[in-house]
Amino acid sequence: MNNQNQSSPFTSGQPDEAPASRSAVWYEPAMEIFAQASAWIVGPIVAALFLGKWLDKKYNSEPWLFLVTVGLAFLISCFGIVRITLAYIKKIEEDAKNKIKIEQEKNN
């Protein structure tokens, strides 16, 4: 079997074509969303764990301040994820509108 004729997800299938550039990789937007959402989940929760434990020891209030900080971290995480999601929905809608405009201009 000839390796030059095999298509790859990184090329258009043309035999002598170089791999696509990094910005054209199909999974990059998904990985970006995943990384941002993960950061909004992990960051506040980890900070709340340490802060809550420290506050409980300082004020001898176990487990109440810990639970309050974790609850606040959960709300912050929810806010961040919704914010990211709305931003990407807006971006997708704008890209779709631009694509329609370009197609209409080609047809005229």
PDB file of N, CA and C in Angstrom:
ATOM      1  N   MET A   1       0.845  -1.183   0.000  1.00  0.00           N
ATOM      2  CA  MET A   1       0.000   0.000   0.000  1.00  0.00           C
ATOM      3  C   MET A   1       0.884   1.238   0.000  1.00  0.00           C
ATOM      4  N   ASN A   2       0.507   2.220  -0.753  1.00  0.00           N
ATOM      5  CA  ASN A   2       1.293   3.437  -0.892  1.00  0.00           C
ATOM      6  C   ASN A   2       0.900   4.431   0.198  1.00  0.00           C
ATOM      7  N   ASN A   3       1.846   4.859   1.028  1.00  0.00           N
ATOM      8  CA  ASN A   3       1.581   5.780   2.124  1.00  0.00           C
ATOM      9  C   ASN A   3       1.208   7.172   1.644  1.00  0.00           C
ATOM     10  N   GLN A   4       1.628   7.542   0.452  1.00  0.00           N
ATOM     11  CA  GLN A   4       1.343   8.881  -0.041  1.00  0.00           C
ATOM     12  C   GLN A   4      -0.138   9.059  -0.367  1.00  0.00           C
ATOM     13  N   ASN A   5      -0.854   8.012  -0.672  1.00  0.00           N
ATOM     14  CA  ASN A   5      -2.252   8.124  -1.056  1.00  0.00           C
ATOM     15  C   ASN A   5      -3.211   8.031   0.136  1.00  0.00           C
ATOM     16  N   GLN A   6      -2.693   7.713   1.313  1.00  0.00           N
ATOM     17  CA  GLN A   6      -3.561   7.622   2.478  1.00  0.00           C
ATOM     18  C   GLN A   6      -3.888   9.017   2.983  1.00  0.00           C
ATOM     19  N   SER A   7      -5.155   9.216   3.360  1.00  0.00           N
ATOM     20  CA  SER A   7      -5.511  10.515   3.908  1.00  0.00           C
ATOM     21  C   SER A   7      -5.332  10.476   5.414  1.00  0.00           C
ATOM     22  N   SER A   8      -5.160  11.631   5.980  1.00  0.00           N
ATOM     23  CA  SER A   8      -4.939  11.794   7.395  1.00  0.00           C
ATOM     24  C   SER A   8      -5.894  12.859   7.900  1.00  0.00           C
ATOM     25  N   PRO A   9      -6.262  12.845   9.168  1.00  0.00           N
ATOM     26  CA  PRO A   9      -7.124  13.908   9.670  1.00  0.00           C
ATOM     27  C   PRO A   9      -6.441  15.268   9.643  1.00  0.00           C
ATOM     28  N   PHE A  10      -5.134  15.296   9.431  1.00  0.00           N
ATOM     29  CA  PHE A  10      -4.392  16.543   9.430  1.00  0.00           C
ATOM     30  C   PHE A  10      -4.087  17.052   8.024  1.00  0.00           C
ATOM     31  N   THR A  11      -4.503  16.329   7.017  1.00  0.00           N
ATOM     32  CA  THR A  11      -4.306  16.766   5.632  1.00  0.00           C
ATOM     33  C   THR A  11      -5.614  16.623   4.879  1.00  0.00           C
ATOM     34  N   SER A  12      -5.669  17.191   3.699  1.00  0.00           N
ATOM     35  CA  SER A  12      -6.884  17.102   2.891  1.00  0.00           C
ATOM     36  C   SER A  12      -6.904  15.847   2.038  1.00  0.00           C
ATOM     37  N   GLY A  13      -5.883  15.008   2.166  1.00  0.00           N
ATOM     38  CA  GLY A  13      -5.845  13.777   1.405  1.00  0.00           C
ATOM     39  C   GLY A  13      -4.997  13.889   0.144  1.00  0.00           C
ATOM     40  N   GLN A  14      -4.503  15.072  -0.147  1.00  0.00           N
ATOM     41  CA  GLN A  14      -3.638  15.231  -1.304  1.00  0.00           C
ATOM     42  C   GLN A  14      -2.300  14.560  -1.003  1.00  0.00           C
ATOM     43  N   PRO A  15      -1.692  13.862  -1.965  1.00  0.00           N
ATOM     44  CA  PRO A  15      -0.499  13.054  -1.707  1.00  0.00           C
ATOM     45  C   PRO A  15       0.687  13.816  -1.134  1.00  0.00           C
ATOM     46  N   ASP A  16       1.010  14.981  -1.647  1.00  0.00           N
ATOM     47  CA  ASP A  16       2.228  15.674  -1.235  1.00  0.00           C
ATOM     48  C   ASP A  16       1.954  16.865  -0.327  1.00  0.00           C
ATOM     49  N   GLU A  17       0.804  16.898   0.283  1.00  0.00           N
ATOM     50  CA  GLU A  17       0.448  18.043   1.114  1.00  0.00           C
ATOM     51  C   GLU A  17       1.088  17.932   2.493  1.00  0.00           C
ATOM     52  N   ALA A  18       1.583  19.052   3.007  1.00  0.00           N
ATOM     53  CA  ALA A  18       2.153  19.097   4.348  1.00  0.00           C
ATOM     54  C   ALA A  18       1.022  19.056   5.370  1.00  0.00           C
ATOM     55  N   PRO A  19       1.296  18.618   6.603  1.00  0.00           N
ATOM     56  CA  PRO A  19       0.258  18.613   7.639  1.00  0.00           C
ATOM     57  C   PRO A  19      -0.320  20.005   7.858  1.00  0.00           C
ATOM     58  N   ALA A  20      -1.569  20.049   8.277  1.00  0.00           N
ATOM     59  CA  ALA A  20      -2.244  21.320   8.504  1.00  0.00           C
ATOM     60  C   ALA A  20      -1.571  22.080   9.637  1.00  0.00           C
ATOM     61  N   SER A  21      -1.727  23.380   9.615  1.00  0.00           N
ATOM     62  CA  SER A  21      -1.122  24.198  10.658  1.00  0.00           C
ATOM     63  C   SER A  21      -1.824  23.956  11.986  1.00  0.00           C
ATOM     64  N   ARG A  22      -1.188  24.360  13.047  1.00  0.00           N
ATOM     65  CA  ARG A  22      -1.732  24.143  14.390  1.00  0.00           C
ATOM     66  C   ARG A  22      -3.084  24.813  14.549  1.00  0.00           C
ATOM     67  N   SER A  23      -3.299  25.959  13.948  1.00  0.00           N
ATOM     68  CA  SER A  23      -4.562  26.670  14.124  1.00  0.00           C
ATOM     69  C   SER A  23      -5.716  25.992  13.388  1.00  0.00           C
ATOM     70  N   ALA A  24      -5.420  25.057  12.501  1.00  0.00           N
ATOM     71  CA  ALA A  24      -6.465  24.399  11.726  1.00  0.00           C
ATOM     72  C   ALA A  24      -6.833  23.022  12.286  1.00  0.00           C
ATOM     73  N   VAL A  25      -6.268  22.641  13.428  1.00  0.00           N
ATOM     74  CA  VAL A  25      -6.572  21.340  14.004  1.00  0.00           C
ATOM     75  C   VAL A  25      -8.015  21.347  14.486  1.00  0.00           C
ATOM     76  N   TRP A  26      -8.769  20.327  14.134  1.00  0.00           N
ATOM     77  CA  TRP A  26     -10.210  20.302  14.366  1.00  0.00           C
ATOM     78  C   TRP A  26     -10.598  20.237  15.829  1.00  0.00           C
ATOM     79  N   TYR A  27      -9.769  19.663  16.687  1.00  0.00           N
ATOM     80  CA  TYR A  27     -10.145  19.490  18.089  1.00  0.00           C
ATOM     81  C   TYR A  27      -9.661  20.623  18.993  1.00  0.00           C
ATOM     82  N   GLU A  28      -8.961  21.578  18.460  1.00  0.00           N
ATOM     83  CA  GLU A  28      -8.404  22.656  19.286  1.00  0.00           C
ATOM     84  C   GLU A  28      -9.469  23.469  20.023  1.00  0.00           C
ATOM     85  N   PRO A  29     -10.578  23.883  19.370  1.00  0.00           N
ATOM     86  CA  PRO A  29     -11.595  24.634  20.128  1.00  0.00           C
ATOM     87  C   PRO A  29     -12.189  23.820  21.286  1.00  0.00           C
ATOM     88  N   ALA A  30     -12.383  22.535  21.074  1.00  0.00           N
ATOM     89  CA  ALA A  30     -12.938  21.694  22.140  1.00  0.00           C
ATOM     90  C   ALA A  30     -11.967  21.588  23.312  1.00  0.00           C
ATOM     91  N   MET A  31     -10.694  21.450  23.024  1.00  0.00           N
ATOM     92  CA  MET A  31      -9.700  21.369  24.091  1.00  0.00           C
ATOM     93  C   MET A  31      -9.598  22.694  24.847  1.00  0.00           C
ATOM     94  N   GLU A  32      -9.751  23.799  24.137  1.00  0.00           N
ATOM     95  CA  GLU A  32      -9.714  25.107  24.783  1.00  0.00           C
ATOM     96  C   GLU A  32     -10.894  25.263  25.748  1.00  0.00           C
ATOM     97  N   ILE A  33     -12.084  24.879  25.310  1.00  0.00           N
ATOM     98  CA  ILE A  33     -13.266  24.952  26.175  1.00  0.00           C
ATOM     99  C   ILE A  33     -13.087  24.017  27.377  1.00  0.00           C
ATOM    100  N   PHE A  34     -12.597  22.823  27.137  1.00  0.00           N
ATOM    101  CA  PHE A  34     -12.373  21.857  28.217  1.00  0.00           C
ATOM    102  C   PHE A  34     -11.392  22.400  29.250  1.00  0.00           C
ATOM    103  N   ALA A  35     -10.307  22.992  28.787  1.00  0.00           N
ATOM    104  CA  ALA A  35      -9.303  23.531  29.707  1.00  0.00           C
ATOM    105  C   ALA A  35      -9.863  24.684  30.533  1.00  0.00           C
ATOM    106  N   GLN A  36     -10.605  25.567  29.890  1.00  0.00           N
ATOM    107  CA  GLN A  36     -11.171  26.695  30.619  1.00  0.00           C
ATOM    108  C   GLN A  36     -12.213  26.240  31.631  1.00  0.00           C
ATOM    109  N   ALA A  37     -13.078  25.321  31.245  1.00  0.00           N
ATOM    110  CA  ALA A  37     -14.099  24.830  32.169  1.00  0.00           C
ATOM    111  C   ALA A  37     -13.451  24.080  33.330  1.00  0.00           C
ATOM    112  N   SER A  38     -12.433  23.296  33.036  1.00  0.00           N
ATOM    113  CA  SER A  38     -11.734  22.564  34.096  1.00  0.00           C
ATOM    114  C   SER A  38     -11.082  23.520  35.084  1.00  0.00           C
ATOM    115  N   ALA A  39     -10.495  24.588  34.570  1.00  0.00           N
ATOM    116  CA  ALA A  39      -9.869  25.576  35.452  1.00  0.00           C
ATOM    117  C   ALA A  39     -10.909  26.235  36.350  1.00  0.00           C
ATOM    118  N   TRP A  40     -12.097  26.516  35.803  1.00  0.00           N
ATOM    119  CA  TRP A  40     -13.152  27.120  36.614  1.00  0.00           C
ATOM    120  C   TRP A  40     -13.692  26.148  37.661  1.00  0.00           C
ATOM    121  N   ILE A  41     -13.559  24.869  37.439  1.00  0.00           N
ATOM    122  CA  ILE A  41     -14.001  23.887  38.432  1.00  0.00           C
ATOM    123  C   ILE A  41     -12.914  23.674  39.485  1.00  0.00           C
ATOM    124  N   VAL A  42     -11.709  23.381  39.040  1.00  0.00           N
ATOM    125  CA  VAL A  42     -10.624  23.007  39.941  1.00  0.00           C
ATOM    126  C   VAL A  42     -10.132  24.194  40.770  1.00  0.00           C
ATOM    127  N   GLY A  43      -9.931  25.328  40.132  1.00  0.00           N
ATOM    128  CA  GLY A  43      -9.347  26.484  40.824  1.00  0.00           C
ATOM    129  C   GLY A  43     -10.106  26.904  42.073  1.00  0.00           C
ATOM    130  N   PRO A  44     -11.378  27.269  41.950  1.00  0.00           N
ATOM    131  CA  PRO A  44     -12.116  27.695  43.140  1.00  0.00           C
ATOM    132  C   PRO A  44     -12.267  26.601  44.196  1.00  0.00           C
ATOM    133  N   ILE A  45     -12.439  25.360  43.772  1.00  0.00           N
ATOM    134  CA  ILE A  45     -12.634  24.281  44.741  1.00  0.00           C
ATOM    135  C   ILE A  45     -11.355  24.032  45.542  1.00  0.00           C
ATOM    136  N   VAL A  46     -10.220  23.978  44.864  1.00  0.00           N
ATOM    137  CA  VAL A  46      -8.954  23.761  45.574  1.00  0.00           C
ATOM    138  C   VAL A  46      -8.671  24.924  46.527  1.00  0.00           C
ATOM    139  N   ALA A  47      -8.896  26.151  46.059  1.00  0.00           N
ATOM    140  CA  ALA A  47      -8.691  27.312  46.925  1.00  0.00           C
ATOM    141  C   ALA A  47      -9.620  27.249  48.139  1.00  0.00           C
ATOM    142  N   ALA A  48     -10.863  26.840  47.918  1.00  0.00           N
ATOM    143  CA  ALA A  48     -11.833  26.753  49.018  1.00  0.00           C
ATOM    144  C   ALA A  48     -11.438  25.666  50.019  1.00  0.00           C
ATOM    145  N   LEU A  49     -10.897  24.567  49.539  1.00  0.00           N
ATOM    146  CA  LEU A  49     -10.479  23.501  50.448  1.00  0.00           C
ATOM    147  C   LEU A  49      -9.419  24.003  51.420  1.00  0.00           C
ATOM    148  N   PHE A  50      -8.392  24.648  50.879  1.00  0.00           N
ATOM    149  CA  PHE A  50      -7.317  25.145  51.740  1.00  0.00           C
ATOM    150  C   PHE A  50      -7.788  26.294  52.629  1.00  0.00           C
ATOM    151  N   LEU A  51      -8.518  27.241  52.053  1.00  0.00           N
ATOM    152  CA  LEU A  51      -9.003  28.387  52.819  1.00  0.00           C
ATOM    153  C   LEU A  51      -9.974  27.938  53.911  1.00  0.00           C
ATOM    154  N   GLY A  52     -10.893  27.046  53.588  1.00  0.00           N
ATOM    155  CA  GLY A  52     -11.864  26.560  54.562  1.00  0.00           C
ATOM    156  C   GLY A  52     -11.221  25.831  55.724  1.00  0.00           C
ATOM    157  N   LYS A  53     -10.262  24.966  55.425  1.00  0.00           N
ATOM    158  CA  LYS A  53      -9.558  24.254  56.497  1.00  0.00           C
ATOM    159  C   LYS A  53      -8.797  25.231  57.391  1.00  0.00           C
ATOM    160  N   TRP A  54      -8.133  26.188  56.758  1.00  0.00           N
ATOM    161  CA  TRP A  54      -7.352  27.170  57.526  1.00  0.00           C
ATOM    162  C   TRP A  54      -8.263  28.019  58.411  1.00  0.00           C
ATOM    163  N   LEU A  55      -9.396  28.481  57.848  1.00  0.00           N
ATOM    164  CA  LEU A  55     -10.324  29.290  58.640  1.00  0.00           C
ATOM    165  C   LEU A  55     -10.933  28.489  59.787  1.00  0.00           C
ATOM    166  N   ASP A  56     -11.253  27.219  59.538  1.00  0.00           N
ATOM    167  CA  ASP A  56     -11.798  26.376  60.604  1.00  0.00           C
ATOM    168  C   ASP A  56     -10.805  26.200  61.745  1.00  0.00           C
ATOM    169  N   LYS A  57      -9.534  26.013  61.417  1.00  0.00           N
ATOM    170  CA  LYS A  57      -8.521  25.867  62.465  1.00  0.00           C
ATOM    171  C   LYS A  57      -8.331  27.182  63.221  1.00  0.00           C
ATOM    172  N   LYS A  58      -8.323  28.283  62.473  1.00  0.00           N
ATOM    173  CA  LYS A  58      -8.080  29.595  63.092  1.00  0.00           C
ATOM    174  C   LYS A  58      -9.220  29.975  64.042  1.00  0.00           C
ATOM    175  N   TYR A  59     -10.464  29.750  63.654  1.00  0.00           N
ATOM    176  CA  TYR A  59     -11.613  30.166  64.447  1.00  0.00           C
ATOM    177  C   TYR A  59     -12.283  29.010  65.193  1.00  0.00           C
ATOM    178  N   ASN A  60     -11.691  27.812  65.127  1.00  0.00           N
ATOM    179  CA  ASN A  60     -12.204  26.629  65.817  1.00  0.00           C
ATOM    180  C   ASN A  60     -13.705  26.436  65.537  1.00  0.00           C
ATOM    181  N   SER A  61     -14.033  26.400  64.251  1.00  0.00           N
ATOM    182  CA  SER A  61     -15.442  26.320  63.848  1.00  0.00           C
ATOM    183  C   SER A  61     -15.729  25.142  62.929  1.00  0.00           C
ATOM    184  N   GLU A  62     -14.932  24.072  63.079  1.00  0.00           N
ATOM    185  CA  GLU A  62     -15.095  22.942  62.163  1.00  0.00           C
ATOM    186  C   GLU A  62     -16.522  22.431  62.167  1.00  0.00           C
ATOM    187  N   PRO A  63     -17.098  22.078  61.079  1.00  0.00           N
ATOM    188  CA  PRO A  63     -16.731  22.185  59.670  1.00  0.00           C
ATOM    189  C   PRO A  63     -17.415  23.349  58.964  1.00  0.00           C
ATOM    190  N   TRP A  64     -17.967  24.301  59.701  1.00  0.00           N
ATOM    191  CA  TRP A  64     -18.866  25.288  59.114  1.00  0.00           C
ATOM    192  C   TRP A  64     -18.194  26.227  58.119  1.00  0.00           C
ATOM    193  N   LEU A  65     -17.062  26.799  58.437  1.00  0.00           N
ATOM    194  CA  LEU A  65     -16.409  27.703  57.487  1.00  0.00           C
ATOM    195  C   LEU A  65     -15.901  26.940  56.260  1.00  0.00           C
ATOM    196  N   PHE A  66     -15.491  25.715  56.479  1.00  0.00           N
ATOM    197  CA  PHE A  66     -15.089  24.865  55.360  1.00  0.00           C
ATOM    198  C   PHE A  66     -16.266  24.658  54.401  1.00  0.00           C
ATOM    199  N   LEU A  67     -17.419  24.329  54.953  1.00  0.00           N
ATOM    200  CA  LEU A  67     -18.606  24.104  54.117  1.00  0.00           C
ATOM    201  C   LEU A  67     -19.043  25.383  53.409  1.00  0.00           C
ATOM    202  N   VAL A  68     -18.949  26.510  54.091  1.00  0.00           N
ATOM    203  CA  VAL A  68     -19.322  27.786  53.475  1.00  0.00           C
ATOM    204  C   VAL A  68     -18.390  28.114  52.316  1.00  0.00           C
ATOM    205  N   THR A  69     -17.076  27.941  52.507  1.00  0.00           N
ATOM    206  CA  THR A  69     -16.136  28.255  51.416  1.00  0.00           C
ATOM    207  C   THR A  69     -16.315  27.310  50.230  1.00  0.00           C
ATOM    208  N   VAL A  70     -16.584  26.047  50.493  1.00  0.00           N
ATOM    209  CA  VAL A  70     -16.816  25.099  49.398  1.00  0.00           C
ATOM    210  C   VAL A  70     -18.104  25.462  48.661  1.00  0.00           C
ATOM    211  N   GLY A  71     -19.137  25.860  49.403  1.00  0.00           N
ATOM    212  CA  GLY A  71     -20.384  26.300  48.761  1.00  0.00           C
ATOM    213  C   GLY A  71     -20.170  27.526  47.890  1.00  0.00           C
ATOM    214  N   LEU A  72     -19.404  28.494  48.395  1.00  0.00           N
ATOM    215  CA  LEU A  72     -19.098  29.678  47.589  1.00  0.00           C
ATOM    216  C   LEU A  72     -18.273  29.311  46.354  1.00  0.00           C
ATOM    217  N   ALA A  73     -17.338  28.388  46.526  1.00  0.00           N
ATOM    218  CA  ALA A  73     -16.530  27.939  45.388  1.00  0.00           C
ATOM    219  C   ALA A  73     -17.406  27.279  44.334  1.00  0.00           C
ATOM    220  N   PHE A  74     -18.396  26.519  44.768  1.00  0.00           N
ATOM    221  CA  PHE A  74     -19.320  25.891  43.828  1.00  0.00           C
ATOM    222  C   PHE A  74     -20.076  26.949  43.031  1.00  0.00           C
ATOM    223  N   LEU A  75     -20.562  27.979  43.710  1.00  0.00           N
ATOM    224  CA  LEU A  75     -21.279  29.056  43.017  1.00  0.00           C
ATOM    225  C   LEU A  75     -20.358  29.800  42.047  1.00  0.00           C
ATOM    226  N   ILE A  76     -19.130  30.052  42.462  1.00  0.00           N
ATOM    227  CA  ILE A  76     -18.161  30.719  41.578  1.00  0.00           C
ATOM    228  C   ILE A  76     -17.885  29.854  40.355  1.00  0.00           C
ATOM    229  N   SER A  77     -17.726  28.545  40.556  1.00  0.00           N
ATOM    230  CA  SER A  77     -17.491  27.626  39.436  1.00  0.00           C
ATOM    231  C   SER A  77     -18.663  27.635  38.467  1.00  0.00           C
ATOM    232  N   CYS A  78     -19.880  27.607  39.007  1.00  0.00           N
ATOM    233  CA  CYS A  78     -21.066  27.644  38.144  1.00  0.00           C
ATOM    234  C   CYS A  78     -21.102  28.926  37.329  1.00  0.00           C
ATOM    235  N   PHE A  79     -20.829  30.056  37.969  1.00  0.00           N
ATOM    236  CA  PHE A  79     -20.806  31.341  37.272  1.00  0.00           C
ATOM    237  C   PHE A  79     -19.772  31.333  36.146  1.00  0.00           C
ATOM    238  N   GLY A  80     -18.586  30.845  36.438  1.00  0.00           N
ATOM    239  CA  GLY A  80     -17.524  30.818  35.428  1.00  0.00           C
ATOM    240  C   GLY A  80     -17.860  29.931  34.249  1.00  0.00           C
ATOM    241  N   ILE A  81     -18.434  28.782  34.512  1.00  0.00           N
ATOM    242  CA  ILE A  81     -18.781  27.856  33.429  1.00  0.00           C
ATOM    243  C   ILE A  81     -19.887  28.441  32.557  1.00  0.00           C
ATOM    244  N   VAL A  82     -20.877  29.059  33.186  1.00  0.00           N
ATOM    245  CA  VAL A  82     -21.951  29.692  32.404  1.00  0.00           C
ATOM    246  C   VAL A  82     -21.382  30.824  31.560  1.00  0.00           C
ATOM    247  N   ARG A  83     -20.482  31.604  32.129  1.00  0.00           N
ATOM    248  CA  ARG A  83     -19.861  32.720  31.399  1.00  0.00           C
ATOM    249  C   ARG A  83     -19.093  32.210  30.177  1.00  0.00           C
ATOM    250  N   ILE A  84     -18.307  31.159  30.357  1.00  0.00           N
ATOM    251  CA  ILE A  84     -17.555  30.569  29.240  1.00  0.00           C
ATOM    252  C   ILE A  84     -18.505  30.047  28.174  1.00  0.00           C
ATOM    253  N   THR A  85     -19.539  29.339  28.608  1.00  0.00           N
ATOM    254  CA  THR A  85     -20.494  28.750  27.678  1.00  0.00           C
ATOM    255  C   THR A  85     -21.193  29.818  26.855  1.00  0.00           C
ATOM    256  N   LEU A  86     -21.638  30.881  27.493  1.00  0.00           N
ATOM    257  CA  LEU A  86     -22.311  31.963  26.765  1.00  0.00           C
ATOM    258  C   LEU A  86     -21.374  32.640  25.772  1.00  0.00           C
ATOM    259  N   ALA A  87     -20.111  32.808  26.153  1.00  0.00           N
ATOM    260  CA  ALA A  87     -19.137  33.415  25.240  1.00  0.00           C
ATOM    261  C   ALA A  87     -18.930  32.540  24.006  1.00  0.00           C
ATOM    262  N   TYR A  88     -18.833  31.230  24.193  1.00  0.00           N
ATOM    263  CA  TYR A  88     -18.643  30.344  23.047  1.00  0.00           C
ATOM    264  C   TYR A  88     -19.891  30.233  22.191  1.00  0.00           C
ATOM    265  N   ILE A  89     -21.068  30.278  22.803  1.00  0.00           N
ATOM    266  CA  ILE A  89     -22.305  30.280  22.013  1.00  0.00           C
ATOM    267  C   ILE A  89     -22.354  31.524  21.135  1.00  0.00           C
ATOM    268  N   LYS A  90     -21.986  32.664  21.702  1.00  0.00           N
ATOM    269  CA  LYS A  90     -21.965  33.911  20.933  1.00  0.00           C
ATOM    270  C   LYS A  90     -20.958  33.814  19.781  1.00  0.00           C
ATOM    271  N   LYS A  91     -19.788  33.236  20.062  1.00  0.00           N
ATOM    272  CA  LYS A  91     -18.769  33.087  19.020  1.00  0.00           C
ATOM    273  C   LYS A  91     -19.261  32.173  17.897  1.00  0.00           C
ATOM    274  N   ILE A  92     -19.914  31.089  18.246  1.00  0.00           N
ATOM    275  CA  ILE A  92     -20.431  30.152  17.240  1.00  0.00           C
ATOM    276  C   ILE A  92     -21.497  30.828  16.380  1.00  0.00           C
ATOM    277  N   GLU A  93     -22.377  31.599  17.011  1.00  0.00           N
ATOM    278  CA  GLU A  93     -23.420  32.312  16.259  1.00  0.00           C
ATOM    279  C   GLU A  93     -22.809  33.330  15.309  1.00  0.00           C
ATOM    280  N   GLU A  94     -21.788  34.068  15.769  1.00  0.00           N
ATOM    281  CA  GLU A  94     -21.126  35.041  14.899  1.00  0.00           C
ATOM    282  C   GLU A  94     -20.435  34.357  13.729  1.00  0.00           C
ATOM    283  N   ASP A  95     -19.775  33.226  14.003  1.00  0.00           N
ATOM    284  CA  ASP A  95     -19.113  32.482  12.927  1.00  0.00           C
ATOM    285  C   ASP A  95     -20.127  31.981  11.905  1.00  0.00           C
ATOM    286  N   ALA A  96     -21.280  31.524  12.380  1.00  0.00           N
ATOM    287  CA  ALA A  96     -22.321  31.046  11.469  1.00  0.00           C
ATOM    288  C   ALA A  96     -22.855  32.196  10.607  1.00  0.00           C
ATOM    289  N   LYS A  97     -23.068  33.366  11.215  1.00  0.00           N
ATOM    290  CA  LYS A  97     -23.539  34.526  10.453  1.00  0.00           C
ATOM    291  C   LYS A  97     -22.512  34.945   9.414  1.00  0.00           C
ATOM    292  N   ASN A  98     -21.232  34.952   9.787  1.00  0.00           N
ATOM    293  CA  ASN A  98     -20.185  35.314   8.837  1.00  0.00           C
ATOM    294  C   ASN A  98     -20.101  34.310   7.694  1.00  0.00           C
ATOM    295  N   LYS A  99     -20.283  33.035   8.000  1.00  0.00           N
ATOM    296  CA  LYS A  99     -20.240  32.008   6.966  1.00  0.00           C
ATOM    297  C   LYS A  99     -21.397  32.186   5.986  1.00  0.00           C
ATOM    298  N   ILE A 100     -22.579  32.513   6.504  1.00  0.00           N
ATOM    299  CA  ILE A 100     -23.743  32.743   5.645  1.00  0.00           C
ATOM    300  C   ILE A 100     -23.509  33.960   4.756  1.00  0.00           C
ATOM    301  N   LYS A 101     -22.941  35.023   5.332  1.00  0.00           N
ATOM    302  CA  LYS A 101     -22.640  36.230   4.544  1.00  0.00           C
ATOM    303  C   LYS A 101     -21.686  35.919   3.407  1.00  0.00           C
ATOM    304  N   ILE A 102     -20.645  35.165   3.701  1.00  0.00           N
ATOM    305  CA  ILE A 102     -19.649  34.821   2.685  1.00  0.00           C
ATOM    306  C   ILE A 102     -20.281  33.993   1.579  1.00  0.00           C
ATOM    307  N   GLU A 103     -21.118  33.028   1.943  1.00  0.00           N
ATOM    308  CA  GLU A 103     -21.802  32.210   0.946  1.00  0.00           C
ATOM    309  C   GLU A 103     -22.750  33.031   0.089  1.00  0.00           C
ATOM    310  N   GLN A 104     -23.448  33.988   0.710  1.00  0.00           N
ATOM    311  CA  GLN A 104     -24.355  34.847  -0.054  1.00  0.00           C
ATOM    312  C   GLN A 104     -23.588  35.738  -1.014  1.00  0.00           C
ATOM    313  N   GLU A 105     -22.419  36.241  -0.583  1.00  0.00           N
ATOM    314  CA  GLU A 105     -21.611  37.074  -1.459  1.00  0.00           C
ATOM    315  C   GLU A 105     -21.065  36.272  -2.631  1.00  0.00           C
ATOM    316  N   LYS A 106     -20.734  35.014  -2.398  1.00  0.00           N
ATOM    317  CA  LYS A 106     -20.241  34.165  -3.488  1.00  0.00           C
ATOM    318  C   LYS A 106     -21.345  33.906  -4.512  1.00  0.00           C
ATOM    319  N   ASN A 107     -22.577  33.757  -4.032  1.00  0.00           N
ATOM    320  CA  ASN A 107     -23.707  33.472  -4.932  1.00  0.00           C
ATOM    321  C   ASN A 107     -24.137  34.703  -5.724  1.00  0.00           C
ATOM    322  N   ASN A 108     -23.818  35.884  -5.229  1.00  0.00           N
ATOM    323  CA  ASN A 108     -24.225  37.122  -5.959  1.00  0.00           C
ATOM    324  C   ASN A 108     -23.216  37.529  -6.937  1.00  0.00           C
TER     325      ASN A 108
END
